[in-house]
Amino acid sequence: MKLLRLIGAFCGIGSLVFCGFILLFNPYTHSSAEPDVLTSFAVIYLVPVTLAIYASISLKPKLLILCSIWALLLSLYCLTTPSVFRFLVIGPILLFIIGIKMLKNKRSN
């Protein structure tokens, strides 16, 4: 379980750093994103990933699964783009898998 906690926290923090980097230092426009784009990403991606980090550390697999699905909605949209934004899908998918593993481990104990 400790390893799952560590991997979940690492995936969440990595997702936050990657999303923040591409929002603030967009490699295609060489400028920061508009305020409405930042607000949308905050509500649809950054908040659930932050909650997923908390859920991963505190061993709450149901919350982790819910947050990963919440963040996956925007990630699937970004997956259709032919740019670096398509890699946003990696974090929520890994968090979902870790949530399922945590839930299975918790039920077996």
N, C-alpha and C. Protein backbone atom coordinates (compact mmCIF):
# COMPACT_ATOMS: atom_id res chain seq x y z
N MET A 1 0.81 -1.20 0.00
CA MET A 1 0.00 0.00 0.00
C MET A 1 0.86 1.26 0.00
N LYS A 2 2.02 1.18 0.67
CA LYS A 2 2.89 2.35 0.69
C LYS A 2 3.37 2.71 -0.70
N LEU A 3 3.66 1.70 -1.49
CA LEU A 3 4.12 1.94 -2.85
C LEU A 3 3.01 2.59 -3.69
N LEU A 4 1.78 2.14 -3.51
CA LEU A 4 0.66 2.74 -4.24
C LEU A 4 0.46 4.20 -3.83
N ARG A 5 0.61 4.47 -2.55
CA ARG A 5 0.53 5.86 -2.07
C ARG A 5 1.57 6.73 -2.76
N LEU A 6 2.79 6.23 -2.77
CA LEU A 6 3.90 6.98 -3.36
C LEU A 6 3.70 7.20 -4.86
N ILE A 7 3.29 6.16 -5.56
CA ILE A 7 3.07 6.28 -7.00
C ILE A 7 1.91 7.24 -7.27
N GLY A 8 0.84 7.14 -6.49
CA GLY A 8 -0.30 8.04 -6.67
C GLY A 8 0.07 9.49 -6.44
N ALA A 9 0.81 9.75 -5.38
CA ALA A 9 1.24 11.13 -5.11
C ALA A 9 2.18 11.63 -6.19
N PHE A 10 3.08 10.78 -6.64
CA PHE A 10 4.01 11.17 -7.71
C PHE A 10 3.27 11.46 -9.01
N CYS A 11 2.29 10.63 -9.37
CA CYS A 11 1.50 10.86 -10.60
C CYS A 11 0.71 12.16 -10.50
N GLY A 12 0.13 12.41 -9.34
CA GLY A 12 -0.65 13.64 -9.16
C GLY A 12 0.22 14.89 -9.23
N ILE A 13 1.34 14.85 -8.55
CA ILE A 13 2.24 16.01 -8.57
C ILE A 13 2.83 16.21 -9.96
N GLY A 14 3.19 15.11 -10.62
CA GLY A 14 3.68 15.22 -11.99
C GLY A 14 2.65 15.81 -12.94
N SER A 15 1.40 15.42 -12.76
CA SER A 15 0.32 15.96 -13.59
C SER A 15 0.14 17.45 -13.35
N LEU A 16 0.19 17.85 -12.08
CA LEU A 16 0.07 19.28 -11.76
C LEU A 16 1.21 20.09 -12.36
N VAL A 17 2.41 19.60 -12.23
CA VAL A 17 3.57 20.32 -12.75
C VAL A 17 3.51 20.41 -14.27
N PHE A 18 3.18 19.30 -14.92
CA PHE A 18 3.10 19.30 -16.38
C PHE A 18 1.99 20.24 -16.88
N CYS A 19 0.83 20.17 -16.26
CA CYS A 19 -0.28 21.03 -16.66
C CYS A 19 0.06 22.50 -16.42
N GLY A 20 0.63 22.80 -15.27
CA GLY A 20 1.02 24.18 -14.99
C GLY A 20 2.06 24.69 -15.97
N PHE A 21 3.00 23.85 -16.31
CA PHE A 21 4.04 24.26 -17.25
C PHE A 21 3.46 24.58 -18.63
N ILE A 22 2.62 23.69 -19.15
CA ILE A 22 2.10 23.94 -20.49
C ILE A 22 1.06 25.04 -20.52
N LEU A 23 0.43 25.33 -19.38
CA LEU A 23 -0.50 26.46 -19.34
C LEU A 23 0.23 27.79 -19.24
N LEU A 24 1.26 27.84 -18.42
CA LEU A 24 1.96 29.10 -18.21
C LEU A 24 3.04 29.36 -19.26
N PHE A 25 3.64 28.32 -19.79
CA PHE A 25 4.68 28.46 -20.81
C PHE A 25 4.30 27.63 -22.03
N ASN A 26 3.26 28.03 -22.72
CA ASN A 26 2.76 27.29 -23.88
C ASN A 26 3.83 27.28 -24.97
N PRO A 27 4.27 26.10 -25.39
CA PRO A 27 5.35 26.04 -26.39
C PRO A 27 4.91 26.46 -27.80
N TYR A 28 3.63 26.63 -28.01
CA TYR A 28 3.14 26.96 -29.35
C TYR A 28 2.83 28.43 -29.52
N THR A 29 2.47 29.12 -28.45
CA THR A 29 2.14 30.54 -28.57
C THR A 29 3.17 31.43 -27.89
N HIS A 30 4.04 30.85 -27.07
CA HIS A 30 5.07 31.57 -26.34
C HIS A 30 4.47 32.65 -25.44
N SER A 31 3.27 32.39 -24.94
CA SER A 31 2.65 33.29 -23.99
C SER A 31 1.81 32.47 -23.02
N SER A 32 1.38 33.09 -21.97
CA SER A 32 0.56 32.43 -20.98
C SER A 32 -0.87 32.29 -21.50
N ALA A 33 -1.61 31.38 -20.92
CA ALA A 33 -3.00 31.17 -21.34
C ALA A 33 -3.88 32.32 -20.85
N GLU A 34 -5.00 32.47 -21.48
CA GLU A 34 -5.97 33.50 -21.10
C GLU A 34 -6.57 33.15 -19.74
N PRO A 35 -7.07 34.15 -19.00
CA PRO A 35 -7.65 33.89 -17.68
C PRO A 35 -8.83 32.91 -17.70
N ASP A 36 -9.66 32.96 -18.73
CA ASP A 36 -10.78 32.03 -18.78
C ASP A 36 -10.32 30.59 -19.01
N VAL A 37 -9.24 30.41 -19.76
CA VAL A 37 -8.67 29.08 -19.97
C VAL A 37 -8.07 28.56 -18.66
N LEU A 38 -7.39 29.43 -17.94
CA LEU A 38 -6.82 29.04 -16.65
C LEU A 38 -7.91 28.64 -15.66
N THR A 39 -9.01 29.37 -15.65
CA THR A 39 -10.13 29.04 -14.76
C THR A 39 -10.74 27.70 -15.14
N SER A 40 -10.93 27.47 -16.42
CA SER A 40 -11.49 26.19 -16.87
C SER A 40 -10.59 25.02 -16.49
N PHE A 41 -9.30 25.17 -16.74
CA PHE A 41 -8.36 24.10 -16.39
C PHE A 41 -8.30 23.89 -14.88
N ALA A 42 -8.40 24.97 -14.12
CA ALA A 42 -8.36 24.84 -12.66
C ALA A 42 -9.54 24.02 -12.16
N VAL A 43 -10.73 24.30 -12.67
CA VAL A 43 -11.92 23.60 -12.20
C VAL A 43 -11.99 22.17 -12.73
N ILE A 44 -11.61 21.99 -13.97
CA ILE A 44 -11.81 20.68 -14.60
C ILE A 44 -10.60 19.76 -14.46
N TYR A 45 -9.42 20.28 -14.19
CA TYR A 45 -8.24 19.41 -14.12
C TYR A 45 -7.44 19.58 -12.83
N LEU A 46 -7.12 20.80 -12.45
CA LEU A 46 -6.22 21.00 -11.31
C LEU A 46 -6.86 20.66 -9.97
N VAL A 47 -8.13 21.02 -9.79
CA VAL A 47 -8.81 20.69 -8.53
C VAL A 47 -8.93 19.18 -8.34
N PRO A 48 -9.42 18.42 -9.34
CA PRO A 48 -9.50 16.98 -9.11
C PRO A 48 -8.15 16.29 -8.94
N VAL A 49 -7.13 16.77 -9.61
CA VAL A 49 -5.80 16.15 -9.44
C VAL A 49 -5.27 16.45 -8.04
N THR A 50 -5.52 17.65 -7.55
CA THR A 50 -5.11 17.98 -6.18
C THR A 50 -5.85 17.11 -5.17
N LEU A 51 -7.15 16.93 -5.37
CA LEU A 51 -7.92 16.04 -4.50
C LEU A 51 -7.43 14.59 -4.63
N ALA A 52 -7.01 14.20 -5.82
CA ALA A 52 -6.50 12.85 -6.01
C ALA A 52 -5.19 12.63 -5.26
N ILE A 53 -4.37 13.65 -5.17
CA ILE A 53 -3.14 13.54 -4.37
C ILE A 53 -3.50 13.30 -2.91
N TYR A 54 -4.46 14.08 -2.41
CA TYR A 54 -4.93 13.90 -1.03
C TYR A 54 -5.50 12.49 -0.84
N ALA A 55 -6.33 12.04 -1.79
CA ALA A 55 -6.94 10.72 -1.68
C ALA A 55 -5.90 9.61 -1.74
N SER A 56 -4.88 9.81 -2.51
CA SER A 56 -3.82 8.81 -2.61
C SER A 56 -3.03 8.71 -1.31
N ILE A 57 -2.70 9.83 -0.73
CA ILE A 57 -1.92 9.83 0.50
C ILE A 57 -2.74 9.31 1.68
N SER A 58 -4.03 9.64 1.71
CA SER A 58 -4.86 9.24 2.86
C SER A 58 -5.60 7.93 2.62
N LEU A 59 -5.26 7.21 1.57
CA LEU A 59 -5.84 5.90 1.26
C LEU A 59 -7.37 5.94 1.15
N LYS A 60 -7.86 6.80 0.29
CA LYS A 60 -9.29 6.88 0.00
C LYS A 60 -9.48 6.52 -1.48
N PRO A 61 -9.56 5.23 -1.78
CA PRO A 61 -9.58 4.81 -3.18
C PRO A 61 -10.83 5.27 -3.95
N LYS A 62 -11.97 5.35 -3.29
CA LYS A 62 -13.18 5.78 -4.00
C LYS A 62 -13.06 7.24 -4.43
N LEU A 63 -12.52 8.08 -3.57
CA LEU A 63 -12.30 9.48 -3.92
C LEU A 63 -11.25 9.59 -5.02
N LEU A 64 -10.24 8.77 -4.96
CA LEU A 64 -9.20 8.77 -5.99
C LEU A 64 -9.78 8.40 -7.35
N ILE A 65 -10.63 7.41 -7.40
CA ILE A 65 -11.26 7.00 -8.65
C ILE A 65 -12.18 8.10 -9.17
N LEU A 66 -12.96 8.71 -8.28
CA LEU A 66 -13.86 9.79 -8.68
C LEU A 66 -13.08 10.98 -9.24
N CYS A 67 -12.01 11.36 -8.56
CA CYS A 67 -11.19 12.49 -9.03
C CYS A 67 -10.50 12.19 -10.35
N SER A 68 -10.06 10.97 -10.52
CA SER A 68 -9.39 10.63 -11.79
C SER A 68 -10.38 10.65 -12.95
N ILE A 69 -11.62 10.22 -12.71
CA ILE A 69 -12.64 10.30 -13.76
C ILE A 69 -12.97 11.76 -14.06
N TRP A 70 -13.04 12.59 -13.02
CA TRP A 70 -13.33 14.01 -13.19
C TRP A 70 -12.24 14.68 -14.05
N ALA A 71 -10.99 14.38 -13.77
CA ALA A 71 -9.89 14.96 -14.54
C ALA A 71 -9.76 14.32 -15.92
N LEU A 72 -10.24 13.11 -16.06
CA LEU A 72 -10.14 12.41 -17.34
C LEU A 72 -11.03 13.05 -18.40
N LEU A 73 -12.10 13.72 -18.00
CA LEU A 73 -12.99 14.34 -18.98
C LEU A 73 -12.25 15.35 -19.86
N LEU A 74 -11.52 16.26 -19.24
CA LEU A 74 -10.75 17.24 -20.01
C LEU A 74 -9.58 16.57 -20.71
N SER A 75 -9.00 15.59 -20.08
CA SER A 75 -7.85 14.90 -20.67
C SER A 75 -8.21 14.20 -21.96
N LEU A 76 -9.39 13.60 -22.02
CA LEU A 76 -9.81 12.93 -23.25
C LEU A 76 -10.03 13.94 -24.37
N TYR A 77 -10.52 15.12 -24.02
CA TYR A 77 -10.65 16.18 -25.02
C TYR A 77 -9.27 16.60 -25.52
N CYS A 78 -8.32 16.77 -24.60
CA CYS A 78 -6.97 17.17 -24.99
C CYS A 78 -6.24 16.07 -25.74
N LEU A 79 -6.68 14.83 -25.57
CA LEU A 79 -6.06 13.71 -26.27
C LEU A 79 -6.24 13.83 -27.78
N THR A 80 -7.28 14.52 -28.22
CA THR A 80 -7.54 14.65 -29.65
C THR A 80 -6.68 15.73 -30.30
N THR A 81 -5.96 16.51 -29.51
CA THR A 81 -5.12 17.55 -30.09
C THR A 81 -3.79 16.95 -30.56
N PRO A 82 -3.23 17.47 -31.63
CA PRO A 82 -1.97 16.91 -32.13
C PRO A 82 -0.74 17.58 -31.49
N SER A 83 -0.84 17.95 -30.25
CA SER A 83 0.25 18.68 -29.63
C SER A 83 0.62 18.03 -28.29
N VAL A 84 1.37 18.74 -27.51
CA VAL A 84 1.85 18.24 -26.23
C VAL A 84 0.71 18.09 -25.21
N PHE A 85 -0.41 18.73 -25.46
CA PHE A 85 -1.55 18.65 -24.54
C PHE A 85 -2.14 17.25 -24.46
N ARG A 86 -1.90 16.42 -25.46
CA ARG A 86 -2.46 15.06 -25.43
C ARG A 86 -1.86 14.21 -24.32
N PHE A 87 -0.70 14.62 -23.80
CA PHE A 87 -0.08 13.84 -22.72
C PHE A 87 -0.72 14.09 -21.36
N LEU A 88 -1.68 15.00 -21.29
CA LEU A 88 -2.40 15.24 -20.04
C LEU A 88 -3.23 14.03 -19.61
N VAL A 89 -3.50 13.11 -20.52
CA VAL A 89 -4.32 11.95 -20.23
C VAL A 89 -3.57 10.90 -19.40
N ILE A 90 -2.27 10.95 -19.38
CA ILE A 90 -1.47 9.94 -18.69
C ILE A 90 -1.73 9.96 -17.18
N GLY A 91 -1.73 11.15 -16.58
CA GLY A 91 -1.92 11.27 -15.13
C GLY A 91 -3.24 10.70 -14.64
N PRO A 92 -4.39 11.14 -15.17
CA PRO A 92 -5.66 10.58 -14.70
C PRO A 92 -5.82 9.08 -14.93
N ILE A 93 -5.27 8.58 -16.03
CA ILE A 93 -5.36 7.13 -16.26
C ILE A 93 -4.56 6.37 -15.21
N LEU A 94 -3.35 6.84 -14.92
CA LEU A 94 -2.54 6.18 -13.89
C LEU A 94 -3.20 6.29 -12.51
N LEU A 95 -3.78 7.45 -12.22
CA LEU A 95 -4.48 7.62 -10.93
C LEU A 95 -5.69 6.69 -10.84
N PHE A 96 -6.39 6.49 -11.93
CA PHE A 96 -7.52 5.57 -11.95
C PHE A 96 -7.06 4.14 -11.68
N ILE A 97 -5.99 3.73 -12.33
CA ILE A 97 -5.46 2.37 -12.13
C ILE A 97 -5.01 2.19 -10.68
N ILE A 98 -4.36 3.19 -10.12
CA ILE A 98 -3.91 3.10 -8.73
C ILE A 98 -5.10 3.05 -7.78
N GLY A 99 -6.16 3.82 -8.09
CA GLY A 99 -7.37 3.77 -7.28
C GLY A 99 -8.01 2.40 -7.28
N ILE A 100 -8.06 1.76 -8.44
CA ILE A 100 -8.61 0.40 -8.55
C ILE A 100 -7.76 -0.58 -7.74
N LYS A 101 -6.43 -0.46 -7.87
CA LYS A 101 -5.53 -1.35 -7.11
C LYS A 101 -5.71 -1.15 -5.60
N MET A 102 -5.82 0.12 -5.17
CA MET A 102 -6.03 0.40 -3.75
C MET A 102 -7.34 -0.19 -3.26
N LEU A 103 -8.38 -0.05 -4.06
CA LEU A 103 -9.69 -0.58 -3.68
C LEU A 103 -9.65 -2.09 -3.56
N LYS A 104 -8.98 -2.76 -4.49
CA LYS A 104 -8.85 -4.22 -4.43
C LYS A 104 -8.05 -4.64 -3.20
N ASN A 105 -6.95 -3.94 -2.91
CA ASN A 105 -6.13 -4.27 -1.74
C ASN A 105 -6.89 -4.03 -0.44
N LYS A 106 -7.67 -2.96 -0.41
CA LYS A 106 -8.43 -2.63 0.80
C LYS A 106 -9.52 -3.67 1.05
N ARG A 107 -10.16 -4.14 -0.02
CA ARG A 107 -11.21 -5.13 0.13
C ARG A 107 -10.67 -6.49 0.49
N SER A 108 -9.47 -6.83 0.04
CA SER A 108 -8.90 -8.14 0.34
C SER A 108 -8.38 -8.22 1.77
N ASN A 109 -8.12 -7.08 2.39
CA ASN A 109 -7.62 -7.08 3.78
C ASN A 109 -8.72 -7.15 4.75
